[in-house]
Amino acid sequence: MICWKCGKEIKVESVYRQTDCPLCGADLHSCKGCKFYAPNSHFECRESISEPVTDKERANFCDFFSVNNNLTAGGSNGDDKAKAAKDAFNALFG
């Protein structure tokens, strides 16, 4: 898997609430490491959570958590590409 923070490939069997990246120490069971994390969605999550998670980079108890396997080296994901495309569009057409 790829760490959401440092973007390095790491070997982790399973991600639990206390699982940290062995390279940078980032919490892996966090919103930013979840496949449902979406900055442009309600509460920044594609799942129907009832309360927002205030710190998206810290470990949490979310039952919907699922490892984001779409991260690439450098920690970018599809949401970053979508945001970049939207920013480019807005730059052209204001």
PDB file of N, CA and C in Angstrom:
ATOM      1  N   MET A   1       0.833  -1.180   0.000  1.00  0.00           N
ATOM      2  CA  MET A   1       0.000   0.000   0.000  1.00  0.00           C
ATOM      3  C   MET A   1       0.874   1.238   0.000  1.00  0.00           C
ATOM      4  N   ILE A   2       0.291   2.368  -0.323  1.00  0.00           N
ATOM      5  CA  ILE A   2       0.991   3.658  -0.354  1.00  0.00           C
ATOM      6  C   ILE A   2       0.508   4.497   0.836  1.00  0.00           C
ATOM      7  N   CYS A   3       1.421   5.090   1.559  1.00  0.00           N
ATOM      8  CA  CYS A   3       1.049   5.981   2.671  1.00  0.00           C
ATOM      9  C   CYS A   3       0.462   7.267   2.106  1.00  0.00           C
ATOM     10  N   TRP A   4      -0.675   7.702   2.662  1.00  0.00           N
ATOM     11  CA  TRP A   4      -1.343   8.916   2.179  1.00  0.00           C
ATOM     12  C   TRP A   4      -0.496  10.156   2.434  1.00  0.00           C
ATOM     13  N   LYS A   5       0.374  10.129   3.442  1.00  0.00           N
ATOM     14  CA  LYS A   5       1.133  11.333   3.800  1.00  0.00           C
ATOM     15  C   LYS A   5       2.486  11.424   3.096  1.00  0.00           C
ATOM     16  N   CYS A   6       3.312  10.392   3.223  1.00  0.00           N
ATOM     17  CA  CYS A   6       4.660  10.470   2.637  1.00  0.00           C
ATOM     18  C   CYS A   6       4.702   9.966   1.198  1.00  0.00           C
ATOM     19  N   GLY A   7       3.659   9.241   0.773  1.00  0.00           N
ATOM     20  CA  GLY A   7       3.601   8.763  -0.603  1.00  0.00           C
ATOM     21  C   GLY A   7       4.529   7.609  -0.903  1.00  0.00           C
ATOM     22  N   LYS A   8       5.104   7.014   0.131  1.00  0.00           N
ATOM     23  CA  LYS A   8       6.023   5.889  -0.062  1.00  0.00           C
ATOM     24  C   LYS A   8       5.257   4.578   0.025  1.00  0.00           C
ATOM     25  N   GLU A   9       5.734   3.593  -0.709  1.00  0.00           N
ATOM     26  CA  GLU A   9       5.131   2.269  -0.638  1.00  0.00           C
ATOM     27  C   GLU A   9       5.565   1.609   0.665  1.00  0.00           C
ATOM     28  N   ILE A  10       4.592   1.068   1.392  1.00  0.00           N
ATOM     29  CA  ILE A  10       4.885   0.409   2.668  1.00  0.00           C
ATOM     30  C   ILE A  10       4.254  -0.977   2.666  1.00  0.00           C
ATOM     31  N   LYS A  11       4.803  -1.842   3.493  1.00  0.00           N
ATOM     32  CA  LYS A  11       4.266  -3.191   3.618  1.00  0.00           C
ATOM     33  C   LYS A  11       3.520  -3.275   4.946  1.00  0.00           C
ATOM     34  N   VAL A  12       2.199  -3.334   4.847  1.00  0.00           N
ATOM     35  CA  VAL A  12       1.337  -3.445   6.019  1.00  0.00           C
ATOM     36  C   VAL A  12       0.291  -4.502   5.699  1.00  0.00           C
ATOM     37  N   GLU A  13       0.155  -5.482   6.581  1.00  0.00           N
ATOM     38  CA  GLU A  13      -0.815  -6.561   6.370  1.00  0.00           C
ATOM     39  C   GLU A  13      -2.244  -6.032   6.413  1.00  0.00           C
ATOM     40  N   SER A  14      -2.601  -5.377   7.513  1.00  0.00           N
ATOM     41  CA  SER A  14      -3.943  -4.825   7.718  1.00  0.00           C
ATOM     42  C   SER A  14      -3.818  -3.479   8.402  1.00  0.00           C
ATOM     43  N   VAL A  15      -4.815  -2.632   8.217  1.00  0.00           N
ATOM     44  CA  VAL A  15      -4.805  -1.316   8.847  1.00  0.00           C
ATOM     45  C   VAL A  15      -5.840  -1.306   9.967  1.00  0.00           C
ATOM     46  N   TYR A  16      -5.358  -1.096  11.178  1.00  0.00           N
ATOM     47  CA  TYR A  16      -6.203  -0.967  12.356  1.00  0.00           C
ATOM     48  C   TYR A  16      -6.100   0.462  12.858  1.00  0.00           C
ATOM     49  N   ARG A  17      -6.892   0.832  13.851  1.00  0.00           N
ATOM     50  CA  ARG A  17      -6.895   2.207  14.343  1.00  0.00           C
ATOM     51  C   ARG A  17      -5.499   2.664  14.783  1.00  0.00           C
ATOM     52  N   GLN A  18      -4.711   1.794  15.355  1.00  0.00           N
ATOM     53  CA  GLN A  18      -3.390   2.179  15.858  1.00  0.00           C
ATOM     54  C   GLN A  18      -2.268   2.000  14.845  1.00  0.00           C
ATOM     55  N   THR A  19      -2.564   1.604  13.633  1.00  0.00           N
ATOM     56  CA  THR A  19      -1.527   1.357  12.631  1.00  0.00           C
ATOM     57  C   THR A  19      -0.950   2.667  12.113  1.00  0.00           C
ATOM     58  N   ASP A  20       0.379   2.772  12.213  1.00  0.00           N
ATOM     59  CA  ASP A  20       1.099   3.953  11.736  1.00  0.00           C
ATOM     60  C   ASP A  20       1.969   3.575  10.546  1.00  0.00           C
ATOM     61  N   CYS A  21       2.289   4.571   9.727  1.00  0.00           N
ATOM     62  CA  CYS A  21       3.244   4.364   8.644  1.00  0.00           C
ATOM     63  C   CYS A  21       4.612   4.135   9.280  1.00  0.00           C
ATOM     64  N   PRO A  22       5.294   3.052   8.937  1.00  0.00           N
ATOM     65  CA  PRO A  22       6.607   2.797   9.525  1.00  0.00           C
ATOM     66  C   PRO A  22       7.675   3.795   9.069  1.00  0.00           C
ATOM     67  N   LEU A  23       7.408   4.556   8.022  1.00  0.00           N
ATOM     68  CA  LEU A  23       8.397   5.505   7.512  1.00  0.00           C
ATOM     69  C   LEU A  23       8.211   6.920   8.053  1.00  0.00           C
ATOM     70  N   CYS A  24       6.972   7.409   8.075  1.00  0.00           N
ATOM     71  CA  CYS A  24       6.753   8.797   8.510  1.00  0.00           C
ATOM     72  C   CYS A  24       5.923   8.918   9.794  1.00  0.00           C
ATOM     73  N   GLY A  25       5.329   7.809  10.252  1.00  0.00           N
ATOM     74  CA  GLY A  25       4.567   7.826  11.493  1.00  0.00           C
ATOM     75  C   GLY A  25       3.132   8.310  11.367  1.00  0.00           C
ATOM     76  N   ALA A  26       2.652   8.558  10.154  1.00  0.00           N
ATOM     77  CA  ALA A  26       1.282   9.033   9.958  1.00  0.00           C
ATOM     78  C   ALA A  26       0.282   7.950  10.349  1.00  0.00           C
ATOM     79  N   ASP A  27      -0.842   8.369  10.908  1.00  0.00           N
ATOM     80  CA  ASP A  27      -1.932   7.432  11.200  1.00  0.00           C
ATOM     81  C   ASP A  27      -2.506   6.949   9.877  1.00  0.00           C
ATOM     82  N   LEU A  28      -2.578   5.640   9.695  1.00  0.00           N
ATOM     83  CA  LEU A  28      -3.087   5.101   8.437  1.00  0.00           C
ATOM     84  C   LEU A  28      -4.606   4.943   8.448  1.00  0.00           C
ATOM     85  N   HIS A  29      -5.195   4.734   9.643  1.00  0.00           N
ATOM     86  CA  HIS A  29      -6.658   4.617   9.757  1.00  0.00           C
ATOM     87  C   HIS A  29      -7.228   6.014   9.954  1.00  0.00           C
ATOM     88  N   SER A  30      -7.102   6.838   8.935  1.00  0.00           N
ATOM     89  CA  SER A  30      -7.575   8.225   8.993  1.00  0.00           C
ATOM     90  C   SER A  30      -8.357   8.532   7.722  1.00  0.00           C
ATOM     91  N   CYS A  31      -9.075   9.617   7.740  1.00  0.00           N
ATOM     92  CA  CYS A  31      -9.875   9.990   6.563  1.00  0.00           C
ATOM     93  C   CYS A  31      -9.015  10.091   5.307  1.00  0.00           C
ATOM     94  N   LYS A  32      -7.846  10.681   5.430  1.00  0.00           N
ATOM     95  CA  LYS A  32      -7.008  10.893   4.247  1.00  0.00           C
ATOM     96  C   LYS A  32      -6.483   9.592   3.654  1.00  0.00           C
ATOM     97  N   GLY A  33      -6.528   8.495   4.410  1.00  0.00           N
ATOM     98  CA  GLY A  33      -6.098   7.206   3.897  1.00  0.00           C
ATOM     99  C   GLY A  33      -7.260   6.321   3.486  1.00  0.00           C
ATOM    100  N   CYS A  34      -8.464   6.872   3.514  1.00  0.00           N
ATOM    101  CA  CYS A  34      -9.675   6.099   3.242  1.00  0.00           C
ATOM    102  C   CYS A  34     -10.164   6.306   1.808  1.00  0.00           C
ATOM    103  N   LYS A  35     -10.712   5.249   1.214  1.00  0.00           N
ATOM    104  CA  LYS A  35     -11.204   5.359  -0.159  1.00  0.00           C
ATOM    105  C   LYS A  35     -12.460   6.212  -0.256  1.00  0.00           C
ATOM    106  N   PHE A  36     -13.123   6.492   0.853  1.00  0.00           N
ATOM    107  CA  PHE A  36     -14.327   7.317   0.834  1.00  0.00           C
ATOM    108  C   PHE A  36     -14.030   8.807   1.060  1.00  0.00           C
ATOM    109  N   TYR A  37     -12.775   9.163   1.338  1.00  0.00           N
ATOM    110  CA  TYR A  37     -12.412  10.562   1.555  1.00  0.00           C
ATOM    111  C   TYR A  37     -12.566  11.337   0.250  1.00  0.00           C
ATOM    112  N   ALA A  38     -13.341  12.414   0.314  1.00  0.00           N
ATOM    113  CA  ALA A  38     -13.586  13.247  -0.872  1.00  0.00           C
ATOM    114  C   ALA A  38     -13.769  14.686  -0.401  1.00  0.00           C
ATOM    115  N   PRO A  39     -12.759  15.535  -0.571  1.00  0.00           N
ATOM    116  CA  PRO A  39     -12.826  16.903  -0.081  1.00  0.00           C
ATOM    117  C   PRO A  39     -14.045  17.702  -0.558  1.00  0.00           C
ATOM    118  N   ASN A  40     -14.609  17.344  -1.701  1.00  0.00           N
ATOM    119  CA  ASN A  40     -15.747  18.097  -2.233  1.00  0.00           C
ATOM    120  C   ASN A  40     -17.102  17.524  -1.815  1.00  0.00           C
ATOM    121  N   SER A  41     -17.104  16.494  -0.976  1.00  0.00           N
ATOM    122  CA  SER A  41     -18.355  15.865  -0.535  1.00  0.00           C
ATOM    123  C   SER A  41     -18.783  16.410   0.827  1.00  0.00           C
ATOM    124  N   HIS A  42     -20.050  16.122   1.190  1.00  0.00           N
ATOM    125  CA  HIS A  42     -20.577  16.505   2.494  1.00  0.00           C
ATOM    126  C   HIS A  42     -19.731  15.857   3.587  1.00  0.00           C
ATOM    127  N   PHE A  43     -19.264  16.633   4.533  1.00  0.00           N
ATOM    128  CA  PHE A  43     -18.352  16.188   5.598  1.00  0.00           C
ATOM    129  C   PHE A  43     -17.072  15.573   5.036  1.00  0.00           C
ATOM    130  N   GLU A  44     -16.770  15.849   3.771  1.00  0.00           N
ATOM    131  CA  GLU A  44     -15.577  15.354   3.077  1.00  0.00           C
ATOM    132  C   GLU A  44     -15.534  13.825   3.022  1.00  0.00           C
ATOM    133  N   CYS A  45     -16.718  13.216   2.904  1.00  0.00           N
ATOM    134  CA  CYS A  45     -16.815  11.759   2.880  1.00  0.00           C
ATOM    135  C   CYS A  45     -17.921  11.329   1.926  1.00  0.00           C
ATOM    136  N   ARG A  46     -17.659  10.279   1.147  1.00  0.00           N
ATOM    137  CA  ARG A  46     -18.671   9.761   0.223  1.00  0.00           C
ATOM    138  C   ARG A  46     -19.687   8.859   0.927  1.00  0.00           C
ATOM    139  N   GLU A  47     -19.417   8.472   2.161  1.00  0.00           N
ATOM    140  CA  GLU A  47     -20.368   7.671   2.937  1.00  0.00           C
ATOM    141  C   GLU A  47     -21.298   8.611   3.695  1.00  0.00           C
ATOM    142  N   SER A  48     -22.395   8.085   4.159  1.00  0.00           N
ATOM    143  CA  SER A  48     -23.380   8.916   4.865  1.00  0.00           C
ATOM    144  C   SER A  48     -23.091   8.939   6.369  1.00  0.00           C
ATOM    145  N   ILE A  49     -22.002   9.597   6.736  1.00  0.00           N
ATOM    146  CA  ILE A  49     -21.651   9.712   8.151  1.00  0.00           C
ATOM    147  C   ILE A  49     -22.546  10.757   8.799  1.00  0.00           C
ATOM    148  N   SER A  50     -22.851  10.567  10.081  1.00  0.00           N
ATOM    149  CA  SER A  50     -23.777  11.477  10.762  1.00  0.00           C
ATOM    150  C   SER A  50     -23.072  12.683  11.380  1.00  0.00           C
ATOM    151  N   GLU A  51     -21.779  12.561  11.660  1.00  0.00           N
ATOM    152  CA  GLU A  51     -21.013  13.664  12.237  1.00  0.00           C
ATOM    153  C   GLU A  51     -19.687  13.801  11.495  1.00  0.00           C
ATOM    154  N   PRO A  52     -19.233  15.025  11.308  1.00  0.00           N
ATOM    155  CA  PRO A  52     -17.946  15.191  10.625  1.00  0.00           C
ATOM    156  C   PRO A  52     -16.776  14.777  11.511  1.00  0.00           C
ATOM    157  N   VAL A  53     -15.728  14.271  10.901  1.00  0.00           N
ATOM    158  CA  VAL A  53     -14.477  13.995  11.605  1.00  0.00           C
ATOM    159  C   VAL A  53     -13.670  15.274  11.502  1.00  0.00           C
ATOM    160  N   THR A  54     -13.297  15.840  12.639  1.00  0.00           N
ATOM    161  CA  THR A  54     -12.646  17.153  12.612  1.00  0.00           C
ATOM    162  C   THR A  54     -11.213  17.111  12.094  1.00  0.00           C
ATOM    163  N   ASP A  55     -10.434  16.122  12.491  1.00  0.00           N
ATOM    164  CA  ASP A  55      -9.048  16.033  12.036  1.00  0.00           C
ATOM    165  C   ASP A  55      -8.918  14.864  11.071  1.00  0.00           C
ATOM    166  N   LYS A  56      -8.854  15.158   9.794  1.00  0.00           N
ATOM    167  CA  LYS A  56      -8.837  14.138   8.743  1.00  0.00           C
ATOM    168  C   LYS A  56      -7.525  13.358   8.677  1.00  0.00           C
ATOM    169  N   GLU A  57      -6.487  13.840   9.378  1.00  0.00           N
ATOM    170  CA  GLU A  57      -5.184  13.196   9.316  1.00  0.00           C
ATOM    171  C   GLU A  57      -4.906  12.298  10.526  1.00  0.00           C
ATOM    172  N   ARG A  58      -5.776  12.300  11.517  1.00  0.00           N
ATOM    173  CA  ARG A  58      -5.565  11.512  12.732  1.00  0.00           C
ATOM    174  C   ARG A  58      -6.419  10.246  12.711  1.00  0.00           C
ATOM    175  N   ALA A  59      -5.990   9.250  13.447  1.00  0.00           N
ATOM    176  CA  ALA A  59      -6.739   7.995  13.538  1.00  0.00           C
ATOM    177  C   ALA A  59      -8.130   8.263  14.100  1.00  0.00           C
ATOM    178  N   ASN A  60      -9.116   7.489  13.638  1.00  0.00           N
ATOM    179  CA  ASN A  60     -10.486   7.662  14.100  1.00  0.00           C
ATOM    180  C   ASN A  60     -11.171   6.297  14.210  1.00  0.00           C
ATOM    181  N   PHE A  61     -12.415   6.325  14.676  1.00  0.00           N
ATOM    182  CA  PHE A  61     -13.169   5.093  14.887  1.00  0.00           C
ATOM    183  C   PHE A  61     -14.230   4.867  13.812  1.00  0.00           C
ATOM    184  N   CYS A  62     -14.079   5.441  12.659  1.00  0.00           N
ATOM    185  CA  CYS A  62     -15.089   5.343  11.606  1.00  0.00           C
ATOM    186  C   CYS A  62     -15.285   3.893  11.153  1.00  0.00           C
ATOM    187  N   ASP A  63     -16.543   3.458  11.166  1.00  0.00           N
ATOM    188  CA  ASP A  63     -16.868   2.091  10.744  1.00  0.00           C
ATOM    189  C   ASP A  63     -16.817   1.913   9.228  1.00  0.00           C
ATOM    190  N   PHE A  64     -16.854   3.018   8.487  1.00  0.00           N
ATOM    191  CA  PHE A  64     -16.839   2.946   7.033  1.00  0.00           C
ATOM    192  C   PHE A  64     -15.423   2.878   6.455  1.00  0.00           C
ATOM    193  N   PHE A  65     -14.401   3.054   7.292  1.00  0.00           N
ATOM    194  CA  PHE A  65     -13.031   3.128   6.801  1.00  0.00           C
ATOM    195  C   PHE A  65     -12.671   1.926   5.927  1.00  0.00           C
ATOM    196  N   SER A  66     -12.067   2.228   4.788  1.00  0.00           N
ATOM    197  CA  SER A  66     -11.541   1.220   3.878  1.00  0.00           C
ATOM    198  C   SER A  66     -10.288   1.816   3.231  1.00  0.00           C
ATOM    199  N   VAL A  67      -9.210   1.055   3.223  1.00  0.00           N
ATOM    200  CA  VAL A  67      -7.938   1.555   2.692  1.00  0.00           C
ATOM    201  C   VAL A  67      -8.100   2.034   1.254  1.00  0.00           C
ATOM    202  N   ASN A  68      -7.567   3.204   0.971  1.00  0.00           N
ATOM    203  CA  ASN A  68      -7.595   3.753  -0.382  1.00  0.00           C
ATOM    204  C   ASN A  68      -6.452   3.139  -1.178  1.00  0.00           C
ATOM    205  N   ASN A  69      -6.773   2.204  -2.044  1.00  0.00           N
ATOM    206  CA  ASN A  69      -5.756   1.551  -2.873  1.00  0.00           C
ATOM    207  C   ASN A  69      -5.483   2.317  -4.155  1.00  0.00           C
ATOM    208  N   ASN A  70      -6.097   3.483  -4.339  1.00  0.00           N
ATOM    209  CA  ASN A  70      -5.885   4.287  -5.541  1.00  0.00           C
ATOM    210  C   ASN A  70      -4.812   5.350  -5.358  1.00  0.00           C
ATOM    211  N   LEU A  71      -4.186   5.388  -4.189  1.00  0.00           N
ATOM    212  CA  LEU A  71      -3.098   6.338  -3.991  1.00  0.00           C
ATOM    213  C   LEU A  71      -1.919   5.928  -4.849  1.00  0.00           C
ATOM    214  N   THR A  72      -1.194   6.911  -5.332  1.00  0.00           N
ATOM    215  CA  THR A  72      -0.002   6.640  -6.126  1.00  0.00           C
ATOM    216  C   THR A  72       1.201   7.219  -5.405  1.00  0.00           C
ATOM    217  N   ALA A  73       2.386   6.891  -5.844  1.00  0.00           N
ATOM    218  CA  ALA A  73       3.599   7.430  -5.235  1.00  0.00           C
ATOM    219  C   ALA A  73       3.508   8.946  -5.183  1.00  0.00           C
ATOM    220  N   GLY A  74       3.846   9.508  -4.058  1.00  0.00           N
ATOM    221  CA  GLY A  74       3.713  10.943  -3.861  1.00  0.00           C
ATOM    222  C   GLY A  74       2.438  11.279  -3.110  1.00  0.00           C
ATOM    223  N   GLY A  75       1.568  10.280  -2.884  1.00  0.00           N
ATOM    224  CA  GLY A  75       0.368  10.466  -2.089  1.00  0.00           C
ATOM    225  C   GLY A  75      -0.808  11.075  -2.813  1.00  0.00           C
ATOM    226  N   SER A  76      -0.759  11.159  -4.128  1.00  0.00           N
ATOM    227  CA  SER A  76      -1.883  11.756  -4.849  1.00  0.00           C
ATOM    228  C   SER A  76      -2.913  10.696  -5.180  1.00  0.00           C
ATOM    229  N   ASN A  77      -4.154  11.138  -5.360  1.00  0.00           N
ATOM    230  CA  ASN A  77      -5.214  10.212  -5.734  1.00  0.00           C
ATOM    231  C   ASN A  77      -6.116  10.859  -6.763  1.00  0.00           C
ATOM    232  N   GLY A  78      -7.168  10.189  -7.147  1.00  0.00           N
ATOM    233  CA  GLY A  78      -8.083  10.701  -8.157  1.00  0.00           C
ATOM    234  C   GLY A  78      -8.720  12.016  -7.784  1.00  0.00           C
ATOM    235  N   ASP A  79      -8.969  12.260  -6.484  1.00  0.00           N
ATOM    236  CA  ASP A  79      -9.570  13.514  -6.055  1.00  0.00           C
ATOM    237  C   ASP A  79      -8.638  14.686  -6.344  1.00  0.00           C
ATOM    238  N   ASP A  80      -7.320  14.465  -6.193  1.00  0.00           N
ATOM    239  CA  ASP A  80      -6.358  15.517  -6.494  1.00  0.00           C
ATOM    240  C   ASP A  80      -6.383  15.850  -7.988  1.00  0.00           C
ATOM    241  N   LYS A  81      -6.521  14.842  -8.825  1.00  0.00           N
ATOM    242  CA  LYS A  81      -6.570  15.062 -10.268  1.00  0.00           C
ATOM    243  C   LYS A  81      -7.837  15.822 -10.638  1.00  0.00           C
ATOM    244  N   ALA A  82      -8.939  15.467 -10.006  1.00  0.00           N
ATOM    245  CA  ALA A  82     -10.203  16.158 -10.277  1.00  0.00           C
ATOM    246  C   ALA A  82     -10.115  17.614  -9.842  1.00  0.00           C
ATOM    247  N   LYS A  83      -9.506  17.867  -8.699  1.00  0.00           N
ATOM    248  CA  LYS A  83      -9.354  19.234  -8.210  1.00  0.00           C
ATOM    249  C   LYS A  83      -8.449  20.030  -9.141  1.00  0.00           C
ATOM    250  N   ALA A  84      -7.376  19.416  -9.610  1.00  0.00           N
ATOM    251  CA  ALA A  84      -6.465  20.098 -10.536  1.00  0.00           C
ATOM    252  C   ALA A  84      -7.179  20.448 -11.837  1.00  0.00           C
ATOM    253  N   ALA A  85      -7.998  19.527 -12.336  1.00  0.00           N
ATOM    254  CA  ALA A  85      -8.749  19.790 -13.563  1.00  0.00           C
ATOM    255  C   ALA A  85      -9.757  20.920 -13.353  1.00  0.00           C
ATOM    256  N   LYS A  86     -10.424  20.909 -12.223  1.00  0.00           N
ATOM    257  CA  LYS A  86     -11.399  21.958 -11.914  1.00  0.00           C
ATOM    258  C   LYS A  86     -10.706  23.315 -11.775  1.00  0.00           C
ATOM    259  N   ASP A  87      -9.547  23.336 -11.112  1.00  0.00           N
ATOM    260  CA  ASP A  87      -8.789  24.584 -10.963  1.00  0.00           C
ATOM    261  C   ASP A  87      -8.330  25.111 -12.321  1.00  0.00           C
ATOM    262  N   ALA A  88      -7.894  24.209 -13.213  1.00  0.00           N
ATOM    263  CA  ALA A  88      -7.465  24.624 -14.551  1.00  0.00           C
ATOM    264  C   ALA A  88      -8.643  25.198 -15.333  1.00  0.00           C
ATOM    265  N   PHE A  89      -9.797  24.566 -15.229  1.00  0.00           N
ATOM    266  CA  PHE A  89     -11.005  25.062 -15.896  1.00  0.00           C
ATOM    267  C   PHE A  89     -11.361  26.445 -15.375  1.00  0.00           C
ATOM    268  N   ASN A  90     -11.367  26.609 -14.069  1.00  0.00           N
ATOM    269  CA  ASN A  90     -11.701  27.900 -13.465  1.00  0.00           C
ATOM    270  C   ASN A  90     -10.692  28.981 -13.823  1.00  0.00           C
ATOM    271  N   ALA A  91      -9.431  28.591 -13.993  1.00  0.00           N
ATOM    272  CA  ALA A  91      -8.410  29.562 -14.393  1.00  0.00           C
ATOM    273  C   ALA A  91      -8.672  30.061 -15.817  1.00  0.00           C
ATOM    274  N   LEU A  92      -9.146  29.161 -16.666  1.00  0.00           N
ATOM    275  CA  LEU A  92      -9.434  29.555 -18.051  1.00  0.00           C
ATOM    276  C   LEU A  92     -10.704  30.373 -18.183  1.00  0.00           C
ATOM    277  N   PHE A  93     -11.745  29.965 -17.490  1.00  0.00           N
ATOM    278  CA  PHE A  93     -13.059  30.575 -17.675  1.00  0.00           C
ATOM    279  C   PHE A  93     -13.555  31.391 -16.489  1.00  0.00           C
ATOM    280  N   GLY A  94     -12.702  31.528 -15.478  1.00  0.00           N
ATOM    281  CA  GLY A  94     -12.986  32.363 -14.313  1.00  0.00           C
ATOM    282  C   GLY A  94     -14.229  32.057 -13.631  1.00  0.00           C
TER     283      GLY A  94
END
